[in-house]
C-alpha atoms as a PDB file:
ATOM      1  CA  UNK A   1     -34.161  85.420-259.481  1.00  0.00           C
ATOM      2  CA  UNK A   2     -31.596  83.355-261.355  1.00  0.00           C
ATOM      3  CA  UNK A   3     -28.729  85.571-260.168  1.00  0.00           C
ATOM      4  CA  UNK A   4     -29.862  85.194-256.555  1.00  0.00           C
ATOM      5  CA  UNK A   5     -30.047  81.428-256.951  1.00  0.00           C
ATOM      6  CA  UNK A   6     -26.577  81.319-258.517  1.00  0.00           C
ATOM      7  CA  UNK A   7     -25.136  83.435-255.675  1.00  0.00           C
ATOM      8  CA  UNK A   8     -26.769  81.167-253.110  1.00  0.00           C
ATOM      9  CA  UNK A   9     -25.394  78.114-254.891  1.00  0.00           C
ATOM     10  CA  UNK A  10     -21.920  79.643-254.898  1.00  0.00           C
ATOM     11  CA  UNK A  11     -22.100  80.324-251.169  1.00  0.00           C
ATOM     12  CA  UNK A  12     -23.219  76.763-250.482  1.00  0.00           C
ATOM     13  CA  UNK A  13     -20.377  75.408-252.640  1.00  0.00           C
ATOM     14  CA  UNK A  14     -17.819  77.541-250.793  1.00  0.00           C
ATOM     15  CA  UNK A  15     -19.112  76.428-247.392  1.00  0.00           C
ATOM     16  CA  UNK A  16     -19.072  72.799-248.482  1.00  0.00           C
ATOM     17  CA  UNK A  17     -15.486  73.193-249.722  1.00  0.00           C
ATOM     18  CA  UNK A  18     -14.454  74.711-246.390  1.00  0.00           C
ATOM     19  CA  UNK A  19     -16.002  71.833-244.469  1.00  0.00           C
ATOM     20  CA  UNK A  20     -14.553  69.130-246.726  1.00  0.00           C
ATOM     21  CA  UNK A  21     -11.031  70.518-247.244  1.00  0.00           C
ATOM     22  CA  UNK A  22     -10.105  73.221-244.742  1.00  0.00           C
ATOM     23  CA  UNK A  23     -11.559  71.725-241.563  1.00  0.00           C
ATOM     24  CA  UNK A  24      -9.564  68.448-241.828  1.00  0.00           C
ATOM     25  CA  UNK A  25      -6.430  70.414-242.717  1.00  0.00           C
ATOM     26  CA  UNK A  26      -6.916  72.715-239.710  1.00  0.00           C
ATOM     27  CA  UNK A  27      -7.349  69.644-237.489  1.00  0.00           C
ATOM     28  CA  UNK A  28      -4.077  68.179-238.787  1.00  0.00           C
ATOM     29  CA  UNK A  29      -2.224  71.439-238.109  1.00  0.00           C
ATOM     30  CA  UNK A  30      -3.619  71.681-234.573  1.00  0.00           C
ATOM     31  CA  UNK A  31      -2.568  68.113-233.792  1.00  0.00           C
ATOM     32  CA  UNK A  32       1.027  68.798-234.870  1.00  0.00           C
ATOM     33  CA  UNK A  33       1.394  71.394-232.081  1.00  0.00           C
ATOM     34  CA  UNK A  34       0.155  69.094-229.284  1.00  0.00           C
ATOM     35  CA  UNK A  35       1.965  66.620-227.075  1.00  0.00           C
ATOM     36  CA  UNK A  36       1.027  62.944-226.975  1.00  0.00           C
ATOM     37  CA  UNK A  37      -1.340  63.271-224.020  1.00  0.00           C
ATOM     38  CA  UNK A  38      -3.388  66.145-225.431  1.00  0.00           C
ATOM     39  CA  UNK A  39      -3.368  64.727-228.971  1.00  0.00           C
ATOM     40  CA  UNK A  40      -4.910  61.489-227.660  1.00  0.00           C
ATOM     41  CA  UNK A  41      -8.131  63.440-227.001  1.00  0.00           C
ATOM     42  CA  UNK A  42      -8.509  64.014-230.779  1.00  0.00           C
ATOM     43  CA  UNK A  43     -10.494  67.238-230.456  1.00  0.00           C
ATOM     44  CA  UNK A  44     -10.252  70.813-231.715  1.00  0.00           C
ATOM     45  CA  UNK A  45      -8.917  72.164-228.418  1.00  0.00           C
ATOM     46  CA  UNK A  46      -6.142  74.768-228.582  1.00  0.00           C
ATOM     47  CA  UNK A  47      -2.649  73.343-227.880  1.00  0.00           C
ATOM     48  CA  UNK A  48      -1.446  73.926-224.318  1.00  0.00           C
ATOM     49  CA  UNK A  49       2.164  74.117-225.497  1.00  0.00           C
ATOM     50  CA  UNK A  50       4.325  74.539-228.604  1.00  0.00           C
ATOM     51  CA  UNK A  51       5.500  70.998-229.414  1.00  0.00           C
ATOM     52  CA  UNK A  52       5.779  71.277-233.204  1.00  0.00           C
ATOM     53  CA  UNK A  53       9.577  71.226-233.411  1.00  0.00           C
ATOM     54  CA  UNK A  54       9.887  68.285-230.984  1.00  0.00           C
ATOM     55  CA  UNK A  55       7.307  66.349-232.998  1.00  0.00           C
ATOM     56  CA  UNK A  56       9.098  67.066-236.297  1.00  0.00           C
ATOM     57  CA  UNK A  57      12.473  65.952-234.914  1.00  0.00           C
ATOM     58  CA  UNK A  58      10.980  62.750-233.534  1.00  0.00           C
ATOM     59  CA  UNK A  59       9.172  61.946-236.782  1.00  0.00           C
ATOM     60  CA  UNK A  60      12.218  62.572-238.972  1.00  0.00           C
ATOM     61  CA  UNK A  61      14.694  60.626-236.797  1.00  0.00           C
ATOM     62  CA  UNK A  62      12.443  57.647-236.000  1.00  0.00           C
ATOM     63  CA  UNK A  63      13.745  54.225-237.099  1.00  0.00           C
ATOM     64  CA  UNK A  64      17.096  55.497-238.297  1.00  0.00           C
ATOM     65  CA  UNK A  65      15.795  58.486-240.305  1.00  0.00           C
ATOM     66  CA  UNK A  66      13.275  56.345-242.155  1.00  0.00           C
ATOM     67  CA  UNK A  67      11.250  59.361-243.341  1.00  0.00           C
ATOM     68  CA  UNK A  68      14.280  60.784-245.176  1.00  0.00           C
ATOM     69  CA  UNK A  69      14.846  57.433-246.902  1.00  0.00           C
ATOM     70  CA  UNK A  70      11.142  57.310-247.768  1.00  0.00           C
ATOM     71  CA  UNK A  71      11.239  60.772-249.336  1.00  0.00           C
ATOM     72  CA  UNK A  72      14.218  59.742-251.482  1.00  0.00           C
ATOM     73  CA  UNK A  73      12.482  56.519-252.572  1.00  0.00           C
ATOM     74  CA  UNK A  74       9.208  58.292-253.345  1.00  0.00           C
ATOM     75  CA  UNK A  75      11.004  60.984-255.337  1.00  0.00           C
ATOM     76  CA  UNK A  76      12.903  58.446-257.441  1.00  0.00           C
ATOM     77  CA  UNK A  77       9.740  56.394-257.946  1.00  0.00           C
ATOM     78  CA  UNK A  78       7.691  59.444-258.934  1.00  0.00           C
ATOM     79  CA  UNK A  79      10.223  61.002-261.321  1.00  0.00           C
ATOM     80  CA  UNK A  80      11.057  57.759-263.129  1.00  0.00           C
ATOM     81  CA  UNK A  81       7.424  56.626-263.407  1.00  0.00           C
ATOM     82  CA  UNK A  82       6.110  59.971-264.646  1.00  0.00           C
ATOM     83  CA  UNK A  83       8.916  60.278-267.210  1.00  0.00           C
ATOM     84  CA  UNK A  84       8.047  56.887-268.691  1.00  0.00           C
ATOM     85  CA  UNK A  85       4.329  57.667-268.558  1.00  0.00           C
ATOM     86  CA  UNK A  86       4.728  60.903-270.495  1.00  0.00           C
ATOM     87  CA  UNK A  87       6.865  59.366-273.240  1.00  0.00           C
ATOM     88  CA  UNK A  88       4.917  56.120-273.672  1.00  0.00           C
ATOM     89  CA  UNK A  89       1.424  57.639-273.357  1.00  0.00           C
ATOM     90  CA  UNK A  90       2.208  60.449-275.796  1.00  0.00           C
ATOM     91  CA  UNK A  91       3.523  57.998-278.402  1.00  0.00           C
ATOM     92  CA  UNK A  92       0.551  55.632-278.045  1.00  0.00           C
ATOM     93  CA  UNK A  93      -1.914  58.522-278.098  1.00  0.00           C
ATOM     94  CA  UNK A  94      -0.281  59.875-281.257  1.00  0.00           C
ATOM     95  CA  UNK A  95      -0.546  56.541-283.058  1.00  0.00           C
ATOM     96  CA  UNK A  96      -4.174  56.014-282.008  1.00  0.00           C
ATOM     97  CA  UNK A  97      -5.168  59.521-283.082  1.00  0.00           C
ATOM     98  CA  UNK A  98      -3.367  59.471-286.435  1.00  0.00           C
ATOM     99  CA  UNK A  99      -3.545  55.888-287.696  1.00  0.00           C
ATOM    100  CA  UNK A 100      -7.010  54.428-288.133  1.00  0.00           C
ATOM    101  CA  UNK A 101      -6.880  50.651-288.452  1.00  0.00           C
ATOM    102  CA  UNK A 102      -9.251  47.795-287.758  1.00  0.00           C
ATOM    103  CA  UNK A 103      -7.439  47.185-284.459  1.00  0.00           C
ATOM    104  CA  UNK A 104      -8.120  50.646-283.031  1.00  0.00           C
ATOM    105  CA  UNK A 105     -11.421  49.581-281.485  1.00  0.00           C
ATOM    106  CA  UNK A 106      -9.826  46.607-279.757  1.00  0.00           C
ATOM    107  CA  UNK A 107      -6.922  48.685-278.496  1.00  0.00           C
ATOM    108  CA  UNK A 108      -9.208  51.376-277.130  1.00  0.00           C
ATOM    109  CA  UNK A 109     -11.328  48.700-275.434  1.00  0.00           C
ATOM    110  CA  UNK A 110      -8.237  47.266-273.734  1.00  0.00           C
ATOM    111  CA  UNK A 111      -7.211  50.755-272.590  1.00  0.00           C
ATOM    112  CA  UNK A 112     -10.648  51.339-271.051  1.00  0.00           C
ATOM    113  CA  UNK A 113     -10.476  47.878-269.479  1.00  0.00           C
ATOM    114  CA  UNK A 114      -7.210  48.927-267.858  1.00  0.00           C
ATOM    115  CA  UNK A 115      -9.086  51.785-266.199  1.00  0.00           C
ATOM    116  CA  UNK A 116     -12.065  49.746-265.030  1.00  0.00           C
ATOM    117  CA  UNK A 117     -10.713  46.300-264.114  1.00  0.00           C
ATOM    118  CA  UNK A 118      -8.928  46.197-260.745  1.00  0.00           C
ATOM    119  CA  UNK A 119      -5.381  44.776-260.743  1.00  0.00           C
ATOM    120  CA  UNK A 120      -4.789  41.154-259.729  1.00  0.00           C
ATOM    121  CA  UNK A 121      -2.336  41.413-256.844  1.00  0.00           C
ATOM    122  CA  UNK A 122      -1.294  37.788-256.358  1.00  0.00           C
ATOM    123  CA  UNK A 123      -0.575  37.017-260.053  1.00  0.00           C
ATOM    124  CA  UNK A 124       1.325  40.303-260.304  1.00  0.00           C
ATOM    125  CA  UNK A 125       3.486  39.385-257.308  1.00  0.00           C
ATOM    126  CA  UNK A 126       4.135  35.962-258.828  1.00  0.00           C
ATOM    127  CA  UNK A 127       5.168  37.583-262.115  1.00  0.00           C
ATOM    128  CA  UNK A 128       7.481  40.044-260.363  1.00  0.00           C
ATOM    129  CA  UNK A 129       9.084  37.234-258.370  1.00  0.00           C
ATOM    130  CA  UNK A 130       9.686  35.294-261.565  1.00  0.00           C
ATOM    131  CA  UNK A 131      11.355  38.333-263.120  1.00  0.00           C
ATOM    132  CA  UNK A 132      13.396  38.986-259.935  1.00  0.00           C
ATOM    133  CA  UNK A 133      11.733  42.400-259.622  1.00  0.00           C
ATOM    134  CA  UNK A 134       9.621  41.901-256.494  1.00  0.00           C
ATOM    135  CA  UNK A 135      10.647  44.199-253.680  1.00  0.00           C
ATOM    136  CA  UNK A 136      12.808  46.375-255.944  1.00  0.00           C
ATOM    137  CA  UNK A 137      12.355  50.026-256.778  1.00  0.00           C
ATOM    138  CA  UNK A 138      12.603  49.499-260.548  1.00  0.00           C
ATOM    139  CA  UNK A 139       9.948  46.791-260.330  1.00  0.00           C
ATOM    140  CA  UNK A 140       7.699  49.257-258.497  1.00  0.00           C
ATOM    141  CA  UNK A 141       8.312  51.810-261.252  1.00  0.00           C
ATOM    142  CA  UNK A 142       7.034  49.337-263.853  1.00  0.00           C
ATOM    143  CA  UNK A 143       3.949  48.685-261.719  1.00  0.00           C
ATOM    144  CA  UNK A 144       3.125  52.385-261.452  1.00  0.00           C
ATOM    145  CA  UNK A 145       3.601  52.845-265.199  1.00  0.00           C
ATOM    146  CA  UNK A 146       1.373  49.881-266.017  1.00  0.00           C
ATOM    147  CA  UNK A 147      -1.422  50.956-263.658  1.00  0.00           C
ATOM    148  CA  UNK A 148      -1.475  54.627-264.694  1.00  0.00           C
ATOM    149  CA  UNK A 149      -0.799  54.297-268.427  1.00  0.00           C
ATOM    150  CA  UNK A 150      -4.453  53.957-269.596  1.00  0.00           C
ATOM    151  CA  UNK A 151      -5.494  57.300-268.121  1.00  0.00           C
ATOM    152  CA  UNK A 152      -2.471  59.061-269.614  1.00  0.00           C
ATOM    153  CA  UNK A 153      -3.114  57.559-273.053  1.00  0.00           C
ATOM    154  CA  UNK A 154      -6.736  58.744-273.070  1.00  0.00           C
ATOM    155  CA  UNK A 155      -5.596  62.216-272.031  1.00  0.00           C
ATOM    156  CA  UNK A 156      -3.022  62.479-274.824  1.00  0.00           C
ATOM    157  CA  UNK A 157      -5.236  60.924-277.480  1.00  0.00           C
ATOM    158  CA  UNK A 158      -7.996  63.477-276.867  1.00  0.00           C
ATOM    159  CA  UNK A 159      -5.531  66.352-277.083  1.00  0.00           C
ATOM    160  CA  UNK A 160      -3.679  65.113-280.173  1.00  0.00           C
ATOM    161  CA  UNK A 161      -7.019  64.770-281.999  1.00  0.00           C
ATOM    162  CA  UNK A 162      -7.315  68.583-281.865  1.00  0.00           C
ATOM    163  CA  UNK A 163      -3.954  69.111-283.643  1.00  0.00           C
ATOM    164  CA  UNK A 164      -4.391  69.542-287.428  1.00  0.00           C
ATOM    165  CA  UNK A 165      -3.060  66.692-289.550  1.00  0.00           C
ATOM    166  CA  UNK A 166      -1.656  69.255-291.983  1.00  0.00           C
ATOM    167  CA  UNK A 167       1.276  69.750-289.596  1.00  0.00           C
ATOM    168  CA  UNK A 168       2.236  66.087-289.957  1.00  0.00           C
ATOM    169  CA  UNK A 169       1.887  66.187-293.719  1.00  0.00           C
ATOM    170  CA  UNK A 170       3.962  69.362-294.024  1.00  0.00           C
ATOM    171  CA  UNK A 171       6.730  67.824-291.941  1.00  0.00           C
ATOM    172  CA  UNK A 172       6.748  64.655-294.082  1.00  0.00           C
ATOM    173  CA  UNK A 173       6.925  66.726-297.263  1.00  0.00           C
ATOM    174  CA  UNK A 174       9.999  68.436-295.824  1.00  0.00           C
ATOM    175  CA  UNK A 175      11.596  65.011-295.373  1.00  0.00           C
ATOM    176  CA  UNK A 176      10.908  64.366-291.691  1.00  0.00           C
ATOM    177  CA  UNK A 177      10.821  60.752-290.558  1.00  0.00           C
ATOM    178  CA  UNK A 178       7.968  59.469-288.314  1.00  0.00           C
ATOM    179  CA  UNK A 179      10.028  59.909-285.135  1.00  0.00           C
ATOM    180  CA  UNK A 180      11.010  63.408-286.235  1.00  0.00           C
ATOM    181  CA  UNK A 181       7.350  64.266-286.800  1.00  0.00           C
ATOM    182  CA  UNK A 182       6.478  63.136-283.294  1.00  0.00           C
ATOM    183  CA  UNK A 183       9.407  64.529-281.292  1.00  0.00           C
ATOM    184  CA  UNK A 184       9.980  67.773-283.225  1.00  0.00           C
ATOM    185  CA  UNK A 185       6.481  68.727-284.350  1.00  0.00           C
ATOM    186  CA  UNK A 186       3.841  67.056-282.173  1.00  0.00           C
ATOM    187  CA  UNK A 187       5.522  66.674-278.780  1.00  0.00           C
ATOM    188  CA  UNK A 188       6.267  70.424-278.305  1.00  0.00           C
ATOM    189  CA  UNK A 189       2.577  71.144-278.940  1.00  0.00           C
ATOM    190  CA  UNK A 190       1.564  68.774-276.143  1.00  0.00           C
ATOM    191  CA  UNK A 191       2.927  70.980-273.368  1.00  0.00           C
ATOM    192  CA  UNK A 192      -0.480  71.875-271.779  1.00  0.00           C
ATOM    193  CA  UNK A 193      -1.618  68.274-271.483  1.00  0.00           C
ATOM    194  CA  UNK A 194       1.886  67.162-270.502  1.00  0.00           C
ATOM    195  CA  UNK A 195       1.905  69.553-267.544  1.00  0.00           C
ATOM    196  CA  UNK A 196      -1.491  68.224-266.499  1.00  0.00           C
ATOM    197  CA  UNK A 197      -0.336  64.633-266.797  1.00  0.00           C
ATOM    198  CA  UNK A 198       2.870  65.305-264.879  1.00  0.00           C
ATOM    199  CA  UNK A 199       1.090  67.019-261.995  1.00  0.00           C
ATOM    200  CA  UNK A 200      -1.791  64.562-261.691  1.00  0.00           C
ATOM    201  CA  UNK A 201       0.363  61.465-261.978  1.00  0.00           C
ATOM    202  CA  UNK A 202       3.106  62.858-259.723  1.00  0.00           C
ATOM    203  CA  UNK A 203       0.680  63.544-256.901  1.00  0.00           C
ATOM    204  CA  UNK A 204      -1.029  60.180-257.362  1.00  0.00           C
ATOM    205  CA  UNK A 205       2.197  58.165-257.421  1.00  0.00           C
ATOM    206  CA  UNK A 206       3.819  60.143-254.599  1.00  0.00           C
ATOM    207  CA  UNK A 207       0.739  59.565-252.425  1.00  0.00           C
ATOM    208  CA  UNK A 208       0.283  55.925-253.447  1.00  0.00           C
ATOM    209  CA  UNK A 209      -0.165  53.712-250.409  1.00  0.00           C
ATOM    210  CA  UNK A 210      -1.597  50.423-251.643  1.00  0.00           C
ATOM    211  CA  UNK A 211       0.859  49.470-254.385  1.00  0.00           C
ATOM    212  CA  UNK A 212       4.074  49.977-252.369  1.00  0.00           C
ATOM    213  CA  UNK A 213       2.426  48.093-249.519  1.00  0.00           C
ATOM    214  CA  UNK A 214       1.888  45.082-251.797  1.00  0.00           C
ATOM    215  CA  UNK A 215       4.901  45.169-254.090  1.00  0.00           C
ATOM    216  CA  UNK A 216       7.656  46.994-252.186  1.00  0.00           C
ATOM    217  CA  UNK A 217       8.205  45.389-248.756  1.00  0.00           C
ATOM    218  CA  UNK A 218      11.087  46.234-246.449  1.00  0.00           C
ATOM    219  CA  UNK A 219      12.127  49.298-244.457  1.00  0.00           C
ATOM    220  CA  UNK A 220      14.852  50.209-246.959  1.00  0.00           C
ATOM    221  CA  UNK A 221      12.202  50.444-249.707  1.00  0.00           C
ATOM    222  CA  UNK A 222       9.644  52.403-247.674  1.00  0.00           C
ATOM    223  CA  UNK A 223       7.758  55.223-249.375  1.00  0.00           C
ATOM    224  CA  UNK A 224       6.354  58.261-247.590  1.00  0.00           C
ATOM    225  CA  UNK A 225       2.849  56.866-247.094  1.00  0.00           C
ATOM    226  CA  UNK A 226       4.155  53.692-245.445  1.00  0.00           C
ATOM    227  CA  UNK A 227       5.947  55.724-242.758  1.00  0.00           C
ATOM    228  CA  UNK A 228       2.536  56.298-241.163  1.00  0.00           C
ATOM    229  CA  UNK A 229       2.867  52.815-239.684  1.00  0.00           C
ATOM    230  CA  UNK A 230       5.735  54.061-237.494  1.00  0.00           C
ATOM    231  CA  UNK A 231       3.385  55.776-235.067  1.00  0.00           C
ATOM    232  CA  UNK A 232       0.324  53.550-234.945  1.00  0.00           C
ATOM    233  CA  UNK A 233      -0.175  49.988-233.794  1.00  0.00           C
ATOM    234  CA  UNK A 234      -2.949  47.710-232.626  1.00  0.00           C
ATOM    235  CA  UNK A 235      -2.833  48.914-229.025  1.00  0.00           C
ATOM    236  CA  UNK A 236      -1.163  52.328-229.083  1.00  0.00           C
ATOM    237  CA  UNK A 237      -1.028  55.313-231.438  1.00  0.00           C
ATOM    238  CA  UNK A 238       0.950  58.540-231.009  1.00  0.00           C
ATOM    239  CA  UNK A 239      -1.509  60.881-232.674  1.00  0.00           C
ATOM    240  CA  UNK A 240       0.722  63.937-232.363  1.00  0.00           C
ATOM    241  CA  UNK A 241       3.515  62.174-234.264  1.00  0.00           C
ATOM    242  CA  UNK A 242       1.105  60.532-236.710  1.00  0.00           C
ATOM    243  CA  UNK A 243      -0.459  63.841-237.735  1.00  0.00           C
ATOM    244  CA  UNK A 244       2.942  65.533-237.872  1.00  0.00           C
ATOM    245  CA  UNK A 245       4.024  62.820-240.290  1.00  0.00           C
ATOM    246  CA  UNK A 246       0.857  63.372-242.331  1.00  0.00           C
ATOM    247  CA  UNK A 247       1.540  67.124-242.468  1.00  0.00           C
ATOM    248  CA  UNK A 248       5.145  66.622-243.627  1.00  0.00           C
ATOM    249  CA  UNK A 249       4.278  64.226-246.448  1.00  0.00           C
ATOM    250  CA  UNK A 250       1.342  66.432-247.539  1.00  0.00           C
ATOM    251  CA  UNK A 251       3.530  69.500-248.152  1.00  0.00           C
ATOM    252  CA  UNK A 252       5.030  68.465-251.574  1.00  0.00           C
ATOM    253  CA  UNK A 253       1.680  67.579-253.265  1.00  0.00           C
ATOM    254  CA  UNK A 254       0.079  70.683-251.769  1.00  0.00           C
ATOM    255  CA  UNK A 255       2.793  72.925-253.210  1.00  0.00           C
ATOM    256  CA  UNK A 256       2.433  71.270-256.621  1.00  0.00           C
ATOM    257  CA  UNK A 257      -1.314  71.872-256.700  1.00  0.00           C
ATOM    258  CA  UNK A 258      -0.997  75.478-255.530  1.00  0.00           C
ATOM    259  CA  UNK A 259       1.507  76.363-258.260  1.00  0.00           C
ATOM    260  CA  UNK A 260       0.049  74.327-261.132  1.00  0.00           C
ATOM    261  CA  UNK A 261      -3.682  74.588-260.489  1.00  0.00           C
ATOM    262  CA  UNK A 262      -4.393  76.664-263.623  1.00  0.00           C
ATOM    263  CA  UNK A 263      -2.262  74.414-265.829  1.00  0.00           C
ATOM    264  CA  UNK A 264      -4.133  71.352-264.572  1.00  0.00           C
ATOM    265  CA  UNK A 265      -7.528  72.810-265.491  1.00  0.00           C
ATOM    266  CA  UNK A 266      -6.296  74.078-268.870  1.00  0.00           C
ATOM    267  CA  UNK A 267      -4.760  70.734-269.789  1.00  0.00           C
ATOM    268  CA  UNK A 268      -7.806  68.704-268.734  1.00  0.00           C
ATOM    269  CA  UNK A 269     -10.176  70.843-270.839  1.00  0.00           C
ATOM    270  CA  UNK A 270      -7.876  71.452-273.826  1.00  0.00           C
ATOM    271  CA  UNK A 271      -8.963  68.305-275.664  1.00  0.00           C
ATOM    272  CA  UNK A 272     -12.617  68.505-274.703  1.00  0.00           C
ATOM    273  CA  UNK A 273     -13.663  70.166-277.973  1.00  0.00           C
ATOM    274  CA  UNK A 274     -12.282  68.872-281.228  1.00  0.00           C
ATOM    275  CA  UNK A 275     -11.304  71.618-283.642  1.00  0.00           C
END
């Protein structure tokens, strides 16, 4: 009886996954093959012609190759932000897991507050303007690091807690300095959680729409998500071009998840049980 119920539950879960994930993706793919007139119907009808290549060329060349510029900006933003997140979060997680002080509770509370409390947009813009960083790519990198750092710290802290302290002590006995202990002993052991952090944060930052909209104005600073505005307006929307744009900017995150799916699951569960 239990096995039958588990099989039925698995079938229901698979069907729900198909409806939630595959049906929208199939709709996006169908829309990329249609012309503007047929795409305006927004239905699941089969395309009357093969317009994919024309749609791709139009999307890529619109507004002086804005999509290419956006891909470059998003790549720089993602790589720089994730690099800083990995280094800073790993170091903070190491200190929190290894050094127990009376301030640990306060620090952990502030980290959790960073996850729960929404960011204040207007004061942040004012601060960036005062630092001459508003509307710049390096200012946007600092924003992404600040907003995503709490999650990364919690991830690393949970994983480092499973690493025996004897490794640290053995390295110190051999004459290793604190930085040597971290970079030569601890950091190589963090590879599973580092892969998870890189993949999760890369996809999140690459797909970020709200923060670049607030803090990174200007066509020269456009990221991939903001290029969606090129084909929709208050009175007219080219749905064939809009969905072609969506398909193009979805390809990189989709490839990342397909190749690193197992590493993501392994890294997320590695620190769940303390040894």
